[in-house]
């Protein structure tokens, strides 16, 4: 297969996933890939304060928005392939939340696209996070200032996707 036919995998699921298997699926049968970047985001325990992170999403909308983002990344960085898997439901500390895999001819495109995808997922994807703390309390989570700042570099360069 060639870069003229990029692969795209988008999944929103409750079940755990295997990042290595996702990368293998994306690259199966391809000989045109020169670089592959795999990012896996895990649930932190927040120094023992977090018991469970609950992720909610709008079924159909989340998949569509992530698919649109993945298509945009393929176009902007001439990716050979992209895969995004995002979990929902209760997630315990140490469990995987999200995987992003980008494949390209050269490493810079793969790194930049993966960074863009994660910055977007952290700030703008249609997921809602609720922390259930070990002390019995719970709270909805807003995007962190550091995540918004990371997204600012894409905004400054005019590389932010407009919402539909």
C-alpha atoms as a PDB file:
ATOM      1  CA  UNK A   1       0.000   0.000   0.000  1.00  0.00           C
ATOM      2  CA  UNK A   2       1.108   3.565  -0.540  1.00  0.00           C
ATOM      3  CA  UNK A   3       0.529   6.902   1.156  1.00  0.00           C
ATOM      4  CA  UNK A   4      -2.128   7.597  -1.500  1.00  0.00           C
ATOM      5  CA  UNK A   5      -4.370   5.260   0.513  1.00  0.00           C
ATOM      6  CA  UNK A   6      -3.980   6.263   4.159  1.00  0.00           C
ATOM      7  CA  UNK A   7      -5.382   4.029   6.876  1.00  0.00           C
ATOM      8  CA  UNK A   8      -7.659   5.489   9.547  1.00  0.00           C
ATOM      9  CA  UNK A   9      -8.861   3.727  12.689  1.00  0.00           C
ATOM     10  CA  UNK A  10     -11.176   5.479  15.157  1.00  0.00           C
ATOM     11  CA  UNK A  11     -12.754   3.709  18.118  1.00  0.00           C
ATOM     12  CA  UNK A  12     -14.568   4.884  21.222  1.00  0.00           C
ATOM     13  CA  UNK A  13     -15.025   1.951  23.558  1.00  0.00           C
ATOM     14  CA  UNK A  14     -15.491   0.935  27.165  1.00  0.00           C
ATOM     15  CA  UNK A  15     -13.116  -2.036  27.023  1.00  0.00           C
ATOM     16  CA  UNK A  16      -9.368  -1.809  27.605  1.00  0.00           C
ATOM     17  CA  UNK A  17      -7.199  -1.814  24.482  1.00  0.00           C
ATOM     18  CA  UNK A  18      -3.696  -2.886  23.484  1.00  0.00           C
ATOM     19  CA  UNK A  19      -1.563  -0.039  22.078  1.00  0.00           C
ATOM     20  CA  UNK A  20       0.955  -2.416  20.513  1.00  0.00           C
ATOM     21  CA  UNK A  21      -1.827  -4.343  18.760  1.00  0.00           C
ATOM     22  CA  UNK A  22      -3.277  -1.043  17.515  1.00  0.00           C
ATOM     23  CA  UNK A  23       0.089  -0.021  16.037  1.00  0.00           C
ATOM     24  CA  UNK A  24       0.446  -3.467  14.440  1.00  0.00           C
ATOM     25  CA  UNK A  25      -3.058  -3.173  12.954  1.00  0.00           C
ATOM     26  CA  UNK A  26      -2.280   0.249  11.497  1.00  0.00           C
ATOM     27  CA  UNK A  27       0.993  -0.886   9.925  1.00  0.00           C
ATOM     28  CA  UNK A  28      -0.061  -4.373   8.774  1.00  0.00           C
ATOM     29  CA  UNK A  29       1.012  -4.997   5.189  1.00  0.00           C
ATOM     30  CA  UNK A  30       2.548  -1.534   4.791  1.00  0.00           C
ATOM     31  CA  UNK A  31       6.111  -1.063   3.546  1.00  0.00           C
ATOM     32  CA  UNK A  32       5.863   2.692   2.985  1.00  0.00           C
ATOM     33  CA  UNK A  33       5.975   3.697   6.667  1.00  0.00           C
ATOM     34  CA  UNK A  34       9.248   5.277   7.766  1.00  0.00           C
ATOM     35  CA  UNK A  35       8.101   6.507  11.183  1.00  0.00           C
ATOM     36  CA  UNK A  36       5.414   5.568  13.650  1.00  0.00           C
ATOM     37  CA  UNK A  37       4.629   7.440  16.863  1.00  0.00           C
ATOM     38  CA  UNK A  38       2.521   5.773  19.534  1.00  0.00           C
ATOM     39  CA  UNK A  39       1.154   7.718  22.492  1.00  0.00           C
ATOM     40  CA  UNK A  40      -0.771   6.046  25.292  1.00  0.00           C
ATOM     41  CA  UNK A  41      -2.456   8.125  27.997  1.00  0.00           C
ATOM     42  CA  UNK A  42      -2.979   6.506  31.389  1.00  0.00           C
ATOM     43  CA  UNK A  43      -5.195   7.380  34.343  1.00  0.00           C
ATOM     44  CA  UNK A  44      -3.110   8.844  37.191  1.00  0.00           C
ATOM     45  CA  UNK A  45      -3.980   8.245  40.843  1.00  0.00           C
ATOM     46  CA  UNK A  46      -3.329  11.911  41.737  1.00  0.00           C
ATOM     47  CA  UNK A  47      -1.117  10.880  44.677  1.00  0.00           C
ATOM     48  CA  UNK A  48      -3.694   8.417  45.976  1.00  0.00           C
ATOM     49  CA  UNK A  49      -6.581  10.905  45.883  1.00  0.00           C
ATOM     50  CA  UNK A  50      -8.345   9.402  42.841  1.00  0.00           C
ATOM     51  CA  UNK A  51     -10.335   6.181  43.124  1.00  0.00           C
ATOM     52  CA  UNK A  52     -11.956   6.179  39.660  1.00  0.00           C
ATOM     53  CA  UNK A  53     -12.121   8.496  36.670  1.00  0.00           C
ATOM     54  CA  UNK A  54     -15.485   8.324  34.936  1.00  0.00           C
ATOM     55  CA  UNK A  55     -15.524   9.361  31.277  1.00  0.00           C
ATOM     56  CA  UNK A  56     -18.793  10.163  29.561  1.00  0.00           C
ATOM     57  CA  UNK A  57     -19.307  10.858  25.878  1.00  0.00           C
ATOM     58  CA  UNK A  58     -22.080  11.510  23.402  1.00  0.00           C
ATOM     59  CA  UNK A  59     -22.282   8.283  21.330  1.00  0.00           C
ATOM     60  CA  UNK A  60     -21.901   8.932  17.629  1.00  0.00           C
ATOM     61  CA  UNK A  61     -20.774  12.522  18.127  1.00  0.00           C
ATOM     62  CA  UNK A  62     -17.470  11.554  19.756  1.00  0.00           C
ATOM     63  CA  UNK A  63     -16.614   9.091  16.977  1.00  0.00           C
ATOM     64  CA  UNK A  64     -17.572  11.591  14.292  1.00  0.00           C
ATOM     65  CA  UNK A  65     -15.517  14.416  15.807  1.00  0.00           C
ATOM     66  CA  UNK A  66     -12.455  12.211  16.350  1.00  0.00           C
ATOM     67  CA  UNK A  67     -12.819  10.868  12.803  1.00  0.00           C
ATOM     68  CA  UNK A  68     -12.936  14.422  11.467  1.00  0.00           C
ATOM     69  CA  UNK A  69      -9.830  15.283  13.476  1.00  0.00           C
ATOM     70  CA  UNK A  70      -8.006  12.164  12.228  1.00  0.00           C
ATOM     71  CA  UNK A  71      -8.874  13.030   8.618  1.00  0.00           C
ATOM     72  CA  UNK A  72      -7.563  16.560   9.160  1.00  0.00           C
ATOM     73  CA  UNK A  73      -4.291  15.209  10.605  1.00  0.00           C
ATOM     74  CA  UNK A  74      -3.848  12.882   7.603  1.00  0.00           C
ATOM     75  CA  UNK A  75      -4.312  15.845   5.283  1.00  0.00           C
ATOM     76  CA  UNK A  76      -2.095  18.332   7.150  1.00  0.00           C
ATOM     77  CA  UNK A  77       0.862  16.040   7.720  1.00  0.00           C
ATOM     78  CA  UNK A  78       0.481  13.687   4.733  1.00  0.00           C
ATOM     79  CA  UNK A  79       0.134  10.760   7.106  1.00  0.00           C
ATOM     80  CA  UNK A  80       0.151   7.208   5.851  1.00  0.00           C
ATOM     81  CA  UNK A  81      -2.094   6.212   8.724  1.00  0.00           C
ATOM     82  CA  UNK A  82      -3.669   7.338  11.965  1.00  0.00           C
ATOM     83  CA  UNK A  83      -5.387   5.478  14.778  1.00  0.00           C
ATOM     84  CA  UNK A  84      -7.208   6.897  17.785  1.00  0.00           C
ATOM     85  CA  UNK A  85      -8.827   4.778  20.483  1.00  0.00           C
ATOM     86  CA  UNK A  86     -10.511   6.532  23.420  1.00  0.00           C
ATOM     87  CA  UNK A  87     -12.189   4.800  26.327  1.00  0.00           C
ATOM     88  CA  UNK A  88     -15.294   5.800  28.231  1.00  0.00           C
ATOM     89  CA  UNK A  89     -16.871   4.530  31.439  1.00  0.00           C
ATOM     90  CA  UNK A  90     -15.124   3.958  34.763  1.00  0.00           C
ATOM     91  CA  UNK A  91     -11.330   3.923  34.495  1.00  0.00           C
ATOM     92  CA  UNK A  92      -9.089   3.092  37.430  1.00  0.00           C
ATOM     93  CA  UNK A  93      -5.645   4.555  38.070  1.00  0.00           C
ATOM     94  CA  UNK A  94      -3.043   2.780  35.954  1.00  0.00           C
ATOM     95  CA  UNK A  95      -5.511   1.860  33.210  1.00  0.00           C
ATOM     96  CA  UNK A  96      -5.211   3.208  29.673  1.00  0.00           C
ATOM     97  CA  UNK A  97      -7.535   6.011  28.586  1.00  0.00           C
ATOM     98  CA  UNK A  98      -6.417   6.909  25.073  1.00  0.00           C
ATOM     99  CA  UNK A  99      -4.063   5.758  22.326  1.00  0.00           C
ATOM    100  CA  UNK A 100      -2.941   7.793  19.332  1.00  0.00           C
ATOM    101  CA  UNK A 101      -0.805   6.202  16.621  1.00  0.00           C
ATOM    102  CA  UNK A 102       0.470   8.178  13.638  1.00  0.00           C
ATOM    103  CA  UNK A 103       2.392   6.755  10.695  1.00  0.00           C
ATOM    104  CA  UNK A 104       4.274   8.718   8.063  1.00  0.00           C
ATOM    105  CA  UNK A 105       7.271   8.629   5.775  1.00  0.00           C
ATOM    106  CA  UNK A 106       9.337  10.789   8.177  1.00  0.00           C
ATOM    107  CA  UNK A 107       9.364  11.175  11.963  1.00  0.00           C
ATOM    108  CA  UNK A 108       8.647  14.907  12.217  1.00  0.00           C
ATOM    109  CA  UNK A 109       5.217  14.565  10.612  1.00  0.00           C
ATOM    110  CA  UNK A 110       4.348  11.602  12.845  1.00  0.00           C
ATOM    111  CA  UNK A 111       5.420  13.449  16.021  1.00  0.00           C
ATOM    112  CA  UNK A 112       3.656  16.701  15.114  1.00  0.00           C
ATOM    113  CA  UNK A 113       0.432  14.969  14.125  1.00  0.00           C
ATOM    114  CA  UNK A 114       0.385  12.895  17.332  1.00  0.00           C
ATOM    115  CA  UNK A 115       0.984  16.020  19.405  1.00  0.00           C
ATOM    116  CA  UNK A 116      -1.780  17.905  17.586  1.00  0.00           C
ATOM    117  CA  UNK A 117      -4.215  15.024  18.025  1.00  0.00           C
ATOM    118  CA  UNK A 118      -3.537  14.735  21.762  1.00  0.00           C
ATOM    119  CA  UNK A 119      -3.714  18.494  22.356  1.00  0.00           C
ATOM    120  CA  UNK A 120      -7.075  18.544  20.608  1.00  0.00           C
ATOM    121  CA  UNK A 121      -8.373  15.464  22.450  1.00  0.00           C
ATOM    122  CA  UNK A 122      -7.383  16.944  25.833  1.00  0.00           C
ATOM    123  CA  UNK A 123      -9.121  20.282  25.256  1.00  0.00           C
ATOM    124  CA  UNK A 124     -11.907  19.957  22.707  1.00  0.00           C
ATOM    125  CA  UNK A 125     -13.088  16.391  22.167  1.00  0.00           C
ATOM    126  CA  UNK A 126     -16.657  15.683  23.354  1.00  0.00           C
ATOM    127  CA  UNK A 127     -15.781  13.801  26.551  1.00  0.00           C
ATOM    128  CA  UNK A 128     -16.696  14.745  30.099  1.00  0.00           C
ATOM    129  CA  UNK A 129     -14.560  13.619  33.027  1.00  0.00           C
ATOM    130  CA  UNK A 130     -15.722  13.116  36.584  1.00  0.00           C
ATOM    131  CA  UNK A 131     -13.252  12.260  39.321  1.00  0.00           C
ATOM    132  CA  UNK A 132     -14.463   9.966  42.077  1.00  0.00           C
ATOM    133  CA  UNK A 133     -12.015  10.607  44.886  1.00  0.00           C
ATOM    134  CA  UNK A 134     -10.792   8.169  47.500  1.00  0.00           C
ATOM    135  CA  UNK A 135     -12.303  10.392  50.232  1.00  0.00           C
ATOM    136  CA  UNK A 136     -15.792   9.824  48.757  1.00  0.00           C
ATOM    137  CA  UNK A 137     -16.138  13.189  47.019  1.00  0.00           C
ATOM    138  CA  UNK A 138     -16.465  13.731  43.308  1.00  0.00           C
ATOM    139  CA  UNK A 139     -16.031  16.598  40.860  1.00  0.00           C
ATOM    140  CA  UNK A 140     -16.259  17.301  37.137  1.00  0.00           C
ATOM    141  CA  UNK A 141     -12.864  18.026  35.565  1.00  0.00           C
ATOM    142  CA  UNK A 142     -12.149  21.068  33.393  1.00  0.00           C
ATOM    143  CA  UNK A 143      -9.332  21.245  30.839  1.00  0.00           C
ATOM    144  CA  UNK A 144      -6.089  22.232  32.566  1.00  0.00           C
ATOM    145  CA  UNK A 145      -4.409  25.546  31.826  1.00  0.00           C
ATOM    146  CA  UNK A 146      -1.344  23.638  30.593  1.00  0.00           C
ATOM    147  CA  UNK A 147      -3.505  21.747  28.089  1.00  0.00           C
ATOM    148  CA  UNK A 148      -5.064  24.997  26.854  1.00  0.00           C
ATOM    149  CA  UNK A 149      -1.583  26.506  26.530  1.00  0.00           C
ATOM    150  CA  UNK A 150      -0.455  23.517  24.449  1.00  0.00           C
ATOM    151  CA  UNK A 151      -3.464  24.056  22.195  1.00  0.00           C
ATOM    152  CA  UNK A 152      -2.533  27.747  21.839  1.00  0.00           C
ATOM    153  CA  UNK A 153       0.418  26.865  19.603  1.00  0.00           C
ATOM    154  CA  UNK A 154      -1.986  25.325  17.080  1.00  0.00           C
ATOM    155  CA  UNK A 155      -4.320  28.313  17.417  1.00  0.00           C
ATOM    156  CA  UNK A 156      -1.435  30.748  16.857  1.00  0.00           C
ATOM    157  CA  UNK A 157      -0.413  28.918  13.702  1.00  0.00           C
ATOM    158  CA  UNK A 158      -3.975  28.868  12.411  1.00  0.00           C
ATOM    159  CA  UNK A 159      -4.064  25.085  12.743  1.00  0.00           C
ATOM    160  CA  UNK A 160      -7.122  24.732  14.953  1.00  0.00           C
ATOM    161  CA  UNK A 161     -10.088  22.905  13.561  1.00  0.00           C
ATOM    162  CA  UNK A 162     -13.293  24.903  13.543  1.00  0.00           C
ATOM    163  CA  UNK A 163     -16.197  23.119  15.213  1.00  0.00           C
ATOM    164  CA  UNK A 164     -19.023  22.076  12.946  1.00  0.00           C
END
